[in-house]
Each structure stands twice: as structure tokens, then as C-alpha cells.
Amino acid sequence: MRVLSGIQPTGRFHWGNYFGAIRQYISLQENDQAFYFIADLHALTTIRDRDQLVTLCREAALDLLALGLDPSKATLFRQSDVPEVSELTWLLLTVTNLSWLEKCHAYKDKKGRGLAADAGLFTYPVLMAADILIYDSDIVPVGVDQVQHIEVTRDIAERFNSLYGEVFVLPEARVLDSSAKVLGSDGEKMSKSRGNVIELFESPKKARKKIMSIRTDSTAVEAAKDPDNCSVFDLYKLFASPSQIEALASRYRAGGLGYGEAKQELFELSQEHFAAAAERREALAADERRLDEILDEGAARAREKAAEVLGRARRACGLGRTSS
């Protein structure tokens, strides 16, 4: 069973990225057939600064490795280091109905808001399909909002297979567990676009400042509080054990606990949770050669598989030399 997922390097990873997706990606690497790529080609639809993109790609790789992605188990690489995916994108574009792309969320959202949507955004789902199909991916872990892209990928693959024979494996979406509710400092869903994120590896001083700024109500310190209606408590549950959760909930209900004290406990627990990862990240960041080796080795493994699948597709279409 091959697992495939890509992560866009459009900003530093935050708690929402980790609990909503990254930790689940890492748990799927145990089958030794996990392919994870840093989606720098996709990022070109929003990032037009060369140095920024280079930096964010390296930061994303460091974060993933620090958080537990094991290059001996999973293949980690930059999307653009596998040029075969771009050629396959063109082959898939020739069989893709425009109506499928016109229905996709990202394009519809921009168009609905009266914003300019370039061809890159419009054809984004086809590049995503190429990413998935070129590695014979069986499982693609995605959030609920990304299931549509897997459905489009299957439509494209089925159309190609109907025209040229059984070339592509049809992938299945695995919807990520969304039970981990990750709220930002303003009480809304944590999101870079809202500016309410707490990054995974920012300095303790900055992290504490953000945690202490989490929005709460004006209930007095001595009054009882409802833990089930508090952003601080919701975030605390992401890090705490069942016994820690119950103990803090009891203190909320008993009164005498100020929100500042609860925020401090959240800060300390979150720092403890990511402490080992932060140490691994610091060590790896100091060894740029090793990071390059990991990404180069991952790209070589990915290209080997990509060349095999692209070769099948080319031969099926009648491209290149088809005789032995």
C-alpha cells in the first residue's frame, strides 16, 4: 500500500498543521511505501519571490524531519526535483474535461470573489492528479475539503484508462481525523490567512506571548468556568493526558483558576511536547549537507518510480520509441 501526500511550503507550520495533518502523515510511514513531497510547484500559484520559496522549502523539510518523518521509512523530496510529473501533467490535461476543473473549490472561490484566477490555479487539480498517479499511489490522506481533488484525480485516471488501457492505479482518499479541534488565538480555526497561528518552532518568548493573548471571556478569577467553552482548554487537550485534562477541568469548575494560569499551563505543556523535536531540528539545521542528502536521495527514489509510470503512460499514448 503506497501512501502519497504533498505539503505546500507557503508558510511555517503551526499547531493546526501538526494536529490536523502532519502527525497523521507520519503515523502512515510505517508501511515503508510512503511518499511525501514538498509541493513547491503548487506554491508558485501564490509565492512569486524566489528567495522566500527556497527558504520555505528548506524550513518545511526541517520541520517534517524534526517531527518524526524518517527518511529510512518514507521518501521525502521536493516536487520540482521530479520533472516527470510535469510531463505527465500535460498528458493528463489532454483528457481532462474543462467542466471538472470549473467545479473545483479553489477556482470557484477566487472567481466568486471577483479575483483574477490564472491558468495555474485553474489547472492545479491536474498537477495534483499527476502527483498522485505518477507514484501508483493507493492511499492519499486528505482533509475533508480536499476529497474533491481525489475524485477529480480518479475521473482523470478513469478517462485515460478508458482511452489507452489500464495505465493508472485508482487512488483512494483517506480522510484525516478532524476530531482534533485546533483554534487560533482569536477563537477561530487556526489559519495563516487569519494571522492567529502558533508556529511549531518559534521562540518560547514569541510562543508564550501568543498563548497569553488567546481570547477569553471576562469571568472573574474566583468564579467557576466552563472548560467546554474555552479556547485555552480546547488547546490544552491537544497536549495533555486524560488525567491532566480531567484535573484541569475540575479546577475550571471549582473556581479560583484564572485564565492566565491556564494559559501558562498550556504554554509549559506545549513546550514540553515539542522539546525533543526542537532539538532534532536544531541539529539538522546545523548540518545543511545532510538535509540536501536526504532530499536528493528521496528525489532519486521518487524519480525511479515516476519514470516507470510515465513510461507506461507514454507508451500507451504512442509517444517516443515504442518498439524494443
C-alpha atoms as a PDB file:
ATOM      1  CA  MET A   1       0.000   0.000   0.000  1.00  0.00           C
ATOM      2  CA  ARG A   2       1.643   3.225  -1.132  1.00  0.00           C
ATOM      3  CA  VAL A   3       0.720   6.426   0.701  1.00  0.00           C
ATOM      4  CA  LEU A   4       1.249   9.790  -1.023  1.00  0.00           C
ATOM      5  CA  SER A   5       0.867  13.292   0.296  1.00  0.00           C
ATOM      6  CA  GLY A   6       2.189  16.738  -0.561  1.00  0.00           C
ATOM      7  CA  ILE A   7       2.548  19.750   1.713  1.00  0.00           C
ATOM      8  CA  GLN A   8       2.708  23.280   0.346  1.00  0.00           C
ATOM      9  CA  PRO A   9       5.577  25.423   1.671  1.00  0.00           C
ATOM     10  CA  THR A  10       3.528  28.601   1.854  1.00  0.00           C
ATOM     11  CA  GLY A  11       4.433  29.440   5.461  1.00  0.00           C
ATOM     12  CA  ARG A  12       5.885  27.992   8.643  1.00  0.00           C
ATOM     13  CA  PHE A  13       3.960  25.048  10.050  1.00  0.00           C
ATOM     14  CA  HIS A  14       1.738  25.699  13.058  1.00  0.00           C
ATOM     15  CA  TRP A  15      -0.236  23.695  15.612  1.00  0.00           C
ATOM     16  CA  GLY A  16      -3.155  23.346  13.218  1.00  0.00           C
ATOM     17  CA  ASN A  17      -0.929  21.793  10.541  1.00  0.00           C
ATOM     18  CA  TYR A  18       0.565  19.365  13.033  1.00  0.00           C
ATOM     19  CA  PHE A  19      -2.551  18.094  14.789  1.00  0.00           C
ATOM     20  CA  GLY A  20      -4.726  18.308  11.695  1.00  0.00           C
ATOM     21  CA  ALA A  21      -2.414  16.515   9.290  1.00  0.00           C
ATOM     22  CA  ILE A  22       1.336  16.142   9.848  1.00  0.00           C
ATOM     23  CA  ARG A  23       1.222  13.771  12.818  1.00  0.00           C
ATOM     24  CA  GLN A  24      -1.169  11.557  10.858  1.00  0.00           C
ATOM     25  CA  TYR A  25       1.106  11.567   7.818  1.00  0.00           C
ATOM     26  CA  ILE A  26       3.985  10.428  10.000  1.00  0.00           C
ATOM     27  CA  SER A  27       1.919   7.619  11.515  1.00  0.00           C
ATOM     28  CA  LEU A  28       1.372   6.253   7.980  1.00  0.00           C
ATOM     29  CA  GLN A  29       5.081   5.940   7.178  1.00  0.00           C
ATOM     30  CA  GLU A  30       5.382   2.566   8.872  1.00  0.00           C
ATOM     31  CA  ASN A  31       4.448   0.639   5.713  1.00  0.00           C
ATOM     32  CA  ASP A  32       7.774   1.609   4.048  1.00  0.00           C
ATOM     33  CA  GLN A  33       5.927   2.879   0.964  1.00  0.00           C
ATOM     34  CA  ALA A  34       5.134   6.434   1.990  1.00  0.00           C
ATOM     35  CA  PHE A  35       5.999   9.220  -0.450  1.00  0.00           C
ATOM     36  CA  TYR A  36       5.874  12.769   0.940  1.00  0.00           C
ATOM     37  CA  PHE A  37       6.770  15.770  -1.153  1.00  0.00           C
ATOM     38  CA  ILE A  38       7.174  19.481  -0.584  1.00  0.00           C
ATOM     39  CA  ALA A  39       4.843  20.975  -3.168  1.00  0.00           C
ATOM     40  CA  ASP A  40       6.955  23.833  -4.481  1.00  0.00           C
ATOM     41  CA  LEU A  41       5.392  23.735  -7.973  1.00  0.00           C
ATOM     42  CA  HIS A  42       1.966  24.205  -6.434  1.00  0.00           C
ATOM     43  CA  ALA A  43       3.319  27.024  -4.284  1.00  0.00           C
ATOM     44  CA  LEU A  44       4.177  29.022  -7.425  1.00  0.00           C
ATOM     45  CA  THR A  45       0.499  29.958  -7.706  1.00  0.00           C
ATOM     46  CA  THR A  46       0.873  32.124  -4.595  1.00  0.00           C
ATOM     47  CA  ILE A  47       4.598  32.704  -3.924  1.00  0.00           C
ATOM     48  CA  ARG A  48       6.433  34.787  -6.529  1.00  0.00           C
ATOM     49  CA  ASP A  49       9.576  35.505  -4.503  1.00  0.00           C
ATOM     50  CA  ARG A  50      12.485  33.201  -5.332  1.00  0.00           C
ATOM     51  CA  ASP A  51      14.370  33.506  -2.034  1.00  0.00           C
ATOM     52  CA  GLN A  52      11.202  33.116   0.016  1.00  0.00           C
ATOM     53  CA  LEU A  53      10.275  29.895  -1.771  1.00  0.00           C
ATOM     54  CA  VAL A  54      13.761  28.431  -1.342  1.00  0.00           C
ATOM     55  CA  THR A  55      13.718  29.228   2.385  1.00  0.00           C
ATOM     56  CA  LEU A  56      10.227  27.892   2.976  1.00  0.00           C
ATOM     57  CA  CYS A  57      11.044  24.617   1.219  1.00  0.00           C
ATOM     58  CA  ARG A  58      14.045  24.025   3.451  1.00  0.00           C
ATOM     59  CA  GLU A  59      12.108  25.037   6.561  1.00  0.00           C
ATOM     60  CA  ALA A  60       9.331  22.593   5.636  1.00  0.00           C
ATOM     61  CA  ALA A  61      11.822  19.749   5.197  1.00  0.00           C
ATOM     62  CA  LEU A  62      13.479  20.531   8.531  1.00  0.00           C
ATOM     63  CA  ASP A  63      10.121  20.641  10.305  1.00  0.00           C
ATOM     64  CA  LEU A  64       8.911  17.328   8.866  1.00  0.00           C
ATOM     65  CA  LEU A  65      12.131  15.523   9.720  1.00  0.00           C
ATOM     66  CA  ALA A  66      12.227  17.011  13.222  1.00  0.00           C
ATOM     67  CA  LEU A  67       8.632  15.968  13.870  1.00  0.00           C
ATOM     68  CA  GLY A  68       9.415  12.343  13.115  1.00  0.00           C
ATOM     69  CA  LEU A  69       9.403  11.707   9.398  1.00  0.00           C
ATOM     70  CA  ASP A  70      12.043   9.006   8.985  1.00  0.00           C
ATOM     71  CA  PRO A  71      13.876   9.022   5.618  1.00  0.00           C
ATOM     72  CA  SER A  72      14.716   5.334   6.102  1.00  0.00           C
ATOM     73  CA  LYS A  73      10.989   4.576   6.068  1.00  0.00           C
ATOM     74  CA  ALA A  74       9.459   7.346   3.970  1.00  0.00           C
ATOM     75  CA  THR A  75      10.568   9.090   0.796  1.00  0.00           C
ATOM     76  CA  LEU A  76      10.821  12.864   1.270  1.00  0.00           C
ATOM     77  CA  PHE A  77      11.551  15.082  -1.724  1.00  0.00           C
ATOM     78  CA  ARG A  78      10.844  18.380  -3.445  1.00  0.00           C
ATOM     79  CA  GLN A  79       8.097  18.143  -6.048  1.00  0.00           C
ATOM     80  CA  SER A  80      10.149  20.064  -8.612  1.00  0.00           C
ATOM     81  CA  ASP A  81      13.021  17.575  -8.342  1.00  0.00           C
ATOM     82  CA  VAL A  82      10.837  15.073 -10.215  1.00  0.00           C
ATOM     83  CA  PRO A  83      10.409  16.653 -13.680  1.00  0.00           C
ATOM     84  CA  GLU A  84       8.469  13.628 -14.878  1.00  0.00           C
ATOM     85  CA  VAL A  85       5.429  14.942 -13.026  1.00  0.00           C
ATOM     86  CA  SER A  86       5.284  17.995 -15.288  1.00  0.00           C
ATOM     87  CA  GLU A  87       5.249  15.868 -18.442  1.00  0.00           C
ATOM     88  CA  LEU A  88       2.557  13.630 -17.019  1.00  0.00           C
ATOM     89  CA  THR A  89       0.510  16.735 -16.203  1.00  0.00           C
ATOM     90  CA  TRP A  90       0.376  17.549 -19.928  1.00  0.00           C
ATOM     91  CA  LEU A  91      -0.715  14.017 -20.839  1.00  0.00           C
ATOM     92  CA  LEU A  92      -3.499  14.254 -18.266  1.00  0.00           C
ATOM     93  CA  LEU A  93      -4.558  17.720 -19.428  1.00  0.00           C
ATOM     94  CA  THR A  94      -5.332  16.285 -22.866  1.00  0.00           C
ATOM     95  CA  VAL A  95      -8.029  14.023 -21.391  1.00  0.00           C
ATOM     96  CA  THR A  96      -9.422  16.345 -18.697  1.00  0.00           C
ATOM     97  CA  ASN A  97     -12.858  17.895 -19.170  1.00  0.00           C
ATOM     98  CA  LEU A  98     -12.982  21.636 -18.525  1.00  0.00           C
ATOM     99  CA  SER A  99     -16.198  21.165 -16.564  1.00  0.00           C
ATOM    100  CA  TRP A 100     -14.345  19.104 -13.961  1.00  0.00           C
ATOM    101  CA  LEU A 101     -11.915  21.958 -13.321  1.00  0.00           C
ATOM    102  CA  GLU A 102     -14.569  24.666 -13.322  1.00  0.00           C
ATOM    103  CA  LYS A 103     -16.252  22.949 -10.376  1.00  0.00           C
ATOM    104  CA  CYS A 104     -13.132  22.809  -8.169  1.00  0.00           C
ATOM    105  CA  HIS A 105     -13.284  24.826  -4.956  1.00  0.00           C
ATOM    106  CA  ALA A 106     -10.142  26.979  -5.241  1.00  0.00           C
ATOM    107  CA  TYR A 107     -11.012  28.237  -8.708  1.00  0.00           C
ATOM    108  CA  LYS A 108     -14.692  28.780  -7.896  1.00  0.00           C
ATOM    109  CA  ASP A 109     -13.818  30.617  -4.691  1.00  0.00           C
ATOM    110  CA  LYS A 110     -11.488  33.086  -6.404  1.00  0.00           C
ATOM    111  CA  LYS A 111     -13.842  33.619  -9.308  1.00  0.00           C
ATOM    112  CA  GLY A 112     -16.763  34.103  -6.921  1.00  0.00           C
ATOM    113  CA  ARG A 113     -14.861  36.811  -5.073  1.00  0.00           C
ATOM    114  CA  GLY A 114     -14.102  38.597  -8.316  1.00  0.00           C
ATOM    115  CA  LEU A 115     -10.377  37.883  -8.096  1.00  0.00           C
ATOM    116  CA  ALA A 116      -8.123  37.083 -11.039  1.00  0.00           C
ATOM    117  CA  ALA A 117      -7.590  33.340 -11.402  1.00  0.00           C
ATOM    118  CA  ASP A 118      -4.618  32.358 -13.564  1.00  0.00           C
ATOM    119  CA  ALA A 119      -4.212  29.163 -15.585  1.00  0.00           C
ATOM    120  CA  GLY A 120      -2.010  27.703 -12.863  1.00  0.00           C
ATOM    121  CA  LEU A 121      -4.830  27.845 -10.339  1.00  0.00           C
ATOM    122  CA  PHE A 122      -7.356  26.577 -12.888  1.00  0.00           C
ATOM    123  CA  THR A 123      -5.253  23.528 -13.816  1.00  0.00           C
ATOM    124  CA  TYR A 124      -3.981  22.975 -10.257  1.00  0.00           C
ATOM    125  CA  PRO A 125      -6.115  19.794  -9.856  1.00  0.00           C
ATOM    126  CA  VAL A 126      -4.435  18.226 -12.902  1.00  0.00           C
ATOM    127  CA  LEU A 127      -0.958  18.765 -11.473  1.00  0.00           C
ATOM    128  CA  MET A 128      -2.278  17.280  -8.245  1.00  0.00           C
ATOM    129  CA  ALA A 129      -3.589  14.289 -10.193  1.00  0.00           C
ATOM    130  CA  ALA A 130      -0.168  13.822 -11.784  1.00  0.00           C
ATOM    131  CA  ASP A 131       1.451  13.978  -8.326  1.00  0.00           C
ATOM    132  CA  ILE A 132      -0.787  11.157  -7.161  1.00  0.00           C
ATOM    133  CA  LEU A 133      -0.879   8.929 -10.232  1.00  0.00           C
ATOM    134  CA  ILE A 134       2.826   9.032 -11.069  1.00  0.00           C
ATOM    135  CA  TYR A 135       3.720   7.024  -7.947  1.00  0.00           C
ATOM    136  CA  ASP A 136       0.963   4.387  -8.255  1.00  0.00           C
ATOM    137  CA  SER A 137      -0.485   5.787  -5.047  1.00  0.00           C
ATOM    138  CA  ASP A 138      -3.082   3.652  -3.288  1.00  0.00           C
ATOM    139  CA  ILE A 139      -3.955   5.972  -0.396  1.00  0.00           C
ATOM    140  CA  VAL A 140      -3.959   9.768  -0.255  1.00  0.00           C
ATOM    141  CA  PRO A 141      -4.579  11.225   3.217  1.00  0.00           C
ATOM    142  CA  VAL A 142      -6.514  14.475   2.873  1.00  0.00           C
ATOM    143  CA  GLY A 143      -8.761  16.818   4.778  1.00  0.00           C
ATOM    144  CA  VAL A 144     -12.468  16.855   4.001  1.00  0.00           C
ATOM    145  CA  ASP A 145     -12.018  19.923   1.795  1.00  0.00           C
ATOM    146  CA  GLN A 146      -9.538  18.063  -0.413  1.00  0.00           C
ATOM    147  CA  VAL A 147     -11.645  14.978  -1.147  1.00  0.00           C
ATOM    148  CA  GLN A 148     -12.932  16.654  -4.309  1.00  0.00           C
ATOM    149  CA  HIS A 149      -9.402  16.678  -5.739  1.00  0.00           C
ATOM    150  CA  ILE A 150      -9.095  12.925  -5.262  1.00  0.00           C
ATOM    151  CA  GLU A 151     -12.427  12.464  -7.015  1.00  0.00           C
ATOM    152  CA  VAL A 152     -11.147  14.568  -9.949  1.00  0.00           C
ATOM    153  CA  THR A 153      -7.944  12.507  -9.983  1.00  0.00           C
ATOM    154  CA  ARG A 154      -9.972   9.323 -10.249  1.00  0.00           C
ATOM    155  CA  ASP A 155     -12.101  10.825 -13.041  1.00  0.00           C
ATOM    156  CA  ILE A 156      -8.984  11.763 -14.998  1.00  0.00           C
ATOM    157  CA  ALA A 157      -7.348   8.369 -14.451  1.00  0.00           C
ATOM    158  CA  GLU A 158     -10.503   6.514 -15.456  1.00  0.00           C
ATOM    159  CA  ARG A 159     -10.795   8.616 -18.617  1.00  0.00           C
ATOM    160  CA  PHE A 160      -7.149   7.963 -19.514  1.00  0.00           C
ATOM    161  CA  ASN A 161      -7.508   4.246 -18.792  1.00  0.00           C
ATOM    162  CA  SER A 162     -10.664   4.021 -20.897  1.00  0.00           C
ATOM    163  CA  LEU A 163      -8.801   5.537 -23.857  1.00  0.00           C
ATOM    164  CA  TYR A 164      -5.404   3.876 -23.528  1.00  0.00           C
ATOM    165  CA  GLY A 165      -5.759   0.800 -21.333  1.00  0.00           C
ATOM    166  CA  GLU A 166      -5.126   0.148 -17.643  1.00  0.00           C
ATOM    167  CA  VAL A 167      -2.229   2.540 -17.086  1.00  0.00           C
ATOM    168  CA  PHE A 168      -3.021   4.128 -13.729  1.00  0.00           C
ATOM    169  CA  VAL A 169      -3.858   2.841 -10.266  1.00  0.00           C
ATOM    170  CA  LEU A 170      -7.052   4.457  -8.972  1.00  0.00           C
ATOM    171  CA  PRO A 171      -6.252   6.099  -5.616  1.00  0.00           C
ATOM    172  CA  GLU A 172      -8.496   6.195  -2.566  1.00  0.00           C
ATOM    173  CA  ALA A 173      -8.856   9.194  -0.280  1.00  0.00           C
ATOM    174  CA  ARG A 174      -8.268   8.646   3.420  1.00  0.00           C
ATOM    175  CA  VAL A 175      -9.980  11.476   5.237  1.00  0.00           C
ATOM    176  CA  LEU A 176      -7.817  12.675   8.099  1.00  0.00           C
ATOM    177  CA  ASP A 177      -9.219  12.612  11.601  1.00  0.00           C
ATOM    178  CA  SER A 178     -10.660  16.064  12.160  1.00  0.00           C
ATOM    179  CA  SER A 179     -11.592  15.464  15.798  1.00  0.00           C
ATOM    180  CA  ALA A 180      -8.576  17.488  16.939  1.00  0.00           C
ATOM    181  CA  LYS A 181     -10.093  20.944  17.176  1.00  0.00           C
ATOM    182  CA  VAL A 182      -7.311  23.457  16.674  1.00  0.00           C
ATOM    183  CA  LEU A 183      -8.391  27.010  17.427  1.00  0.00           C
ATOM    184  CA  GLY A 184      -6.267  30.077  16.899  1.00  0.00           C
ATOM    185  CA  SER A 185      -5.581  32.917  19.301  1.00  0.00           C
ATOM    186  CA  ASP A 186      -8.826  34.614  18.243  1.00  0.00           C
ATOM    187  CA  GLY A 187     -11.015  31.574  18.950  1.00  0.00           C
ATOM    188  CA  GLU A 188     -11.479  30.791  15.257  1.00  0.00           C
ATOM    189  CA  LYS A 189      -9.888  27.959  13.287  1.00  0.00           C
ATOM    190  CA  MET A 190      -6.119  28.311  13.285  1.00  0.00           C
ATOM    191  CA  SER A 191      -5.098  29.596   9.855  1.00  0.00           C
ATOM    192  CA  LYS A 192      -2.213  31.585   8.380  1.00  0.00           C
ATOM    193  CA  SER A 193      -4.707  33.717   6.472  1.00  0.00           C
ATOM    194  CA  ARG A 194      -6.302  34.821   9.760  1.00  0.00           C
ATOM    195  CA  GLY A 195      -2.982  35.614  11.410  1.00  0.00           C
ATOM    196  CA  ASN A 196      -3.966  33.634  14.507  1.00  0.00           C
ATOM    197  CA  VAL A 197      -1.397  30.838  14.388  1.00  0.00           C
ATOM    198  CA  ILE A 198       1.073  29.497  16.920  1.00  0.00           C
ATOM    199  CA  GLU A 199       4.034  28.122  14.995  1.00  0.00           C
ATOM    200  CA  LEU A 200       5.637  24.825  15.917  1.00  0.00           C
ATOM    201  CA  PHE A 201       9.209  26.005  16.328  1.00  0.00           C
ATOM    202  CA  GLU A 202       9.080  29.713  17.077  1.00  0.00           C
ATOM    203  CA  SER A 203      10.972  31.003  20.095  1.00  0.00           C
ATOM    204  CA  PRO A 204       9.494  30.293  23.543  1.00  0.00           C
ATOM    205  CA  LYS A 205       9.148  34.034  24.104  1.00  0.00           C
ATOM    206  CA  LYS A 206       7.056  34.515  20.964  1.00  0.00           C
ATOM    207  CA  ALA A 207       5.019  31.362  21.613  1.00  0.00           C
ATOM    208  CA  ARG A 208       4.214  32.439  25.178  1.00  0.00           C
ATOM    209  CA  LYS A 209       3.188  35.912  24.018  1.00  0.00           C
ATOM    210  CA  LYS A 210       0.733  34.389  21.520  1.00  0.00           C
ATOM    211  CA  ILE A 211      -0.654  31.911  24.048  1.00  0.00           C
ATOM    212  CA  MET A 212      -1.154  34.626  26.649  1.00  0.00           C
ATOM    213  CA  SER A 213      -3.084  36.638  24.033  1.00  0.00           C
ATOM    214  CA  ILE A 214      -5.660  33.889  23.390  1.00  0.00           C
ATOM    215  CA  ARG A 215      -9.105  35.403  23.587  1.00  0.00           C
ATOM    216  CA  THR A 216     -11.129  34.515  26.693  1.00  0.00           C
ATOM    217  CA  ASP A 217     -14.234  35.903  28.388  1.00  0.00           C
ATOM    218  CA  SER A 218     -14.303  38.259  31.374  1.00  0.00           C
ATOM    219  CA  THR A 219     -15.274  35.719  34.039  1.00  0.00           C
ATOM    220  CA  ALA A 220     -13.654  36.624  37.375  1.00  0.00           C
ATOM    221  CA  VAL A 221     -10.824  34.510  38.739  1.00  0.00           C
ATOM    222  CA  GLU A 222     -12.847  33.260  41.712  1.00  0.00           C
ATOM    223  CA  ALA A 223     -15.856  32.251  39.593  1.00  0.00           C
ATOM    224  CA  ALA A 224     -16.469  28.780  38.182  1.00  0.00           C
ATOM    225  CA  LYS A 225     -15.741  28.426  34.468  1.00  0.00           C
ATOM    226  CA  ASP A 226     -16.935  26.071  31.746  1.00  0.00           C
ATOM    227  CA  PRO A 227     -13.951  24.151  30.314  1.00  0.00           C
ATOM    228  CA  ASP A 228     -16.035  23.046  27.343  1.00  0.00           C
ATOM    229  CA  ASN A 229     -16.477  26.647  26.249  1.00  0.00           C
ATOM    230  CA  CYS A 230     -12.899  27.869  26.405  1.00  0.00           C
ATOM    231  CA  SER A 231     -10.312  28.070  23.615  1.00  0.00           C
ATOM    232  CA  VAL A 232      -7.449  27.680  26.089  1.00  0.00           C
ATOM    233  CA  PHE A 233      -8.869  24.414  27.401  1.00  0.00           C
ATOM    234  CA  ASP A 234      -9.534  23.132  23.862  1.00  0.00           C
ATOM    235  CA  LEU A 235      -5.881  23.664  23.001  1.00  0.00           C
ATOM    236  CA  TYR A 236      -4.711  22.194  26.294  1.00  0.00           C
ATOM    237  CA  LYS A 237      -6.495  18.942  25.430  1.00  0.00           C
ATOM    238  CA  LEU A 238      -4.291  18.524  22.354  1.00  0.00           C
ATOM    239  CA  PHE A 239      -1.216  18.099  24.541  1.00  0.00           C
ATOM    240  CA  ALA A 240      -2.494  16.707  27.843  1.00  0.00           C
ATOM    241  CA  SER A 241      -3.073  13.170  29.095  1.00  0.00           C
ATOM    242  CA  PRO A 242      -6.604  12.140  30.139  1.00  0.00           C
ATOM    243  CA  SER A 243      -5.722  12.598  33.799  1.00  0.00           C
ATOM    244  CA  GLN A 244      -4.280  16.070  33.162  1.00  0.00           C
ATOM    245  CA  ILE A 245      -7.394  17.040  31.204  1.00  0.00           C
ATOM    246  CA  GLU A 246      -9.711  15.924  33.983  1.00  0.00           C
ATOM    247  CA  ALA A 247      -7.632  17.656  36.657  1.00  0.00           C
ATOM    248  CA  LEU A 248      -7.694  20.994  34.835  1.00  0.00           C
ATOM    249  CA  ALA A 249     -11.397  20.659  34.035  1.00  0.00           C
ATOM    250  CA  SER A 250     -12.104  20.181  37.758  1.00  0.00           C
ATOM    251  CA  ARG A 251     -10.144  23.328  38.582  1.00  0.00           C
ATOM    252  CA  TYR A 252     -12.146  25.267  35.976  1.00  0.00           C
ATOM    253  CA  ARG A 253     -15.438  24.153  37.502  1.00  0.00           C
ATOM    254  CA  ALA A 254     -14.315  24.746  41.095  1.00  0.00           C
ATOM    255  CA  GLY A 255     -13.413  28.410  40.563  1.00  0.00           C
ATOM    256  CA  GLY A 256     -10.264  30.161  41.714  1.00  0.00           C
ATOM    257  CA  LEU A 257      -8.414  29.479  38.472  1.00  0.00           C
ATOM    258  CA  GLY A 258      -7.569  32.494  36.323  1.00  0.00           C
ATOM    259  CA  TYR A 259      -7.274  32.199  32.572  1.00  0.00           C
ATOM    260  CA  GLY A 260      -3.699  33.473  32.817  1.00  0.00           C
ATOM    261  CA  GLU A 261      -2.773  30.441  34.928  1.00  0.00           C
ATOM    262  CA  ALA A 262      -4.449  28.089  32.440  1.00  0.00           C
ATOM    263  CA  LYS A 263      -2.578  29.739  29.578  1.00  0.00           C
ATOM    264  CA  GLN A 264       0.711  29.299  31.431  1.00  0.00           C
ATOM    265  CA  GLU A 265      -0.006  25.587  31.849  1.00  0.00           C
ATOM    266  CA  LEU A 266      -0.795  25.344  28.143  1.00  0.00           C
ATOM    267  CA  PHE A 267       2.491  27.077  27.311  1.00  0.00           C
ATOM    268  CA  GLU A 268       4.557  24.770  29.507  1.00  0.00           C
ATOM    269  CA  LEU A 269       2.879  21.618  28.220  1.00  0.00           C
ATOM    270  CA  SER A 270       3.227  22.631  24.566  1.00  0.00           C
ATOM    271  CA  GLN A 271       6.913  23.452  25.061  1.00  0.00           C
ATOM    272  CA  GLU A 272       7.457  20.052  26.625  1.00  0.00           C
ATOM    273  CA  HIS A 273       5.577  18.318  23.802  1.00  0.00           C
ATOM    274  CA  PHE A 274       7.793  19.752  21.049  1.00  0.00           C
ATOM    275  CA  ALA A 275      11.061  19.902  23.016  1.00  0.00           C
ATOM    276  CA  ALA A 276      12.645  16.769  21.518  1.00  0.00           C
ATOM    277  CA  ALA A 277      11.563  17.764  18.003  1.00  0.00           C
ATOM    278  CA  ALA A 278      13.046  21.232  18.503  1.00  0.00           C
ATOM    279  CA  GLU A 279      16.389  19.692  19.480  1.00  0.00           C
ATOM    280  CA  ARG A 280      16.366  17.420  16.418  1.00  0.00           C
ATOM    281  CA  ARG A 281      15.531  20.369  14.211  1.00  0.00           C
ATOM    282  CA  GLU A 282      18.354  22.488  15.589  1.00  0.00           C
ATOM    283  CA  ALA A 283      20.870  19.701  14.997  1.00  0.00           C
ATOM    284  CA  LEU A 284      19.675  19.076  11.449  1.00  0.00           C
ATOM    285  CA  ALA A 285      19.587  22.785  10.602  1.00  0.00           C
ATOM    286  CA  ALA A 286      23.279  22.941  11.501  1.00  0.00           C
ATOM    287  CA  ASP A 287      24.053  20.159   9.009  1.00  0.00           C
ATOM    288  CA  GLU A 288      22.906  21.508   5.639  1.00  0.00           C
ATOM    289  CA  ARG A 289      24.774  18.804   3.742  1.00  0.00           C
ATOM    290  CA  ARG A 290      22.768  16.077   5.467  1.00  0.00           C
ATOM    291  CA  LEU A 291      19.476  17.805   4.645  1.00  0.00           C
ATOM    292  CA  ASP A 292      20.493  18.053   0.991  1.00  0.00           C
ATOM    293  CA  GLU A 293      21.445  14.362   1.004  1.00  0.00           C
ATOM    294  CA  ILE A 294      18.050  13.355   2.374  1.00  0.00           C
ATOM    295  CA  LEU A 295      16.182  15.394  -0.233  1.00  0.00           C
ATOM    296  CA  ASP A 296      18.433  14.217  -3.068  1.00  0.00           C
ATOM    297  CA  GLU A 297      18.087  10.570  -2.041  1.00  0.00           C
ATOM    298  CA  GLY A 298      14.325  10.988  -1.794  1.00  0.00           C
ATOM    299  CA  ALA A 299      14.160  12.585  -5.240  1.00  0.00           C
ATOM    300  CA  ALA A 300      16.183   9.734  -6.739  1.00  0.00           C
ATOM    301  CA  ARG A 301      13.777   7.128  -5.315  1.00  0.00           C
ATOM    302  CA  ALA A 302      10.780   9.159  -6.417  1.00  0.00           C
ATOM    303  CA  ARG A 303      12.149   9.632  -9.939  1.00  0.00           C
ATOM    304  CA  GLU A 304      12.742   5.919 -10.319  1.00  0.00           C
ATOM    305  CA  LYS A 305       9.074   5.198  -9.683  1.00  0.00           C
ATOM    306  CA  ALA A 306       7.914   8.242 -11.653  1.00  0.00           C
ATOM    307  CA  ALA A 307       9.922   7.199 -14.704  1.00  0.00           C
ATOM    308  CA  GLU A 308       8.304   3.766 -14.617  1.00  0.00           C
ATOM    309  CA  VAL A 309       4.766   5.154 -14.519  1.00  0.00           C
ATOM    310  CA  LEU A 310       5.429   7.926 -17.045  1.00  0.00           C
ATOM    311  CA  GLY A 311       6.941   5.338 -19.367  1.00  0.00           C
ATOM    312  CA  ARG A 312       3.734   3.314 -19.183  1.00  0.00           C
ATOM    313  CA  ALA A 313       1.679   6.388 -19.999  1.00  0.00           C
ATOM    314  CA  ARG A 314       3.916   7.461 -22.890  1.00  0.00           C
ATOM    315  CA  ARG A 315       3.869   4.020 -24.466  1.00  0.00           C
ATOM    316  CA  ALA A 316       0.106   3.819 -24.064  1.00  0.00           C
ATOM    317  CA  CYS A 317      -0.302   7.151 -25.880  1.00  0.00           C
ATOM    318  CA  GLY A 318       2.141   6.213 -28.622  1.00  0.00           C
ATOM    319  CA  LEU A 319       4.821   8.720 -27.647  1.00  0.00           C
ATOM    320  CA  GLY A 320       8.517   8.129 -28.240  1.00  0.00           C
ATOM    321  CA  ARG A 321      10.057   4.848 -29.245  1.00  0.00           C
ATOM    322  CA  THR A 322       7.560   2.066 -28.590  1.00  0.00           C
ATOM    323  CA  SER A 323       9.470  -0.840 -30.195  1.00  0.00           C
ATOM    324  CA  SER A 324      12.281  -2.717 -28.488  1.00  0.00           C
END
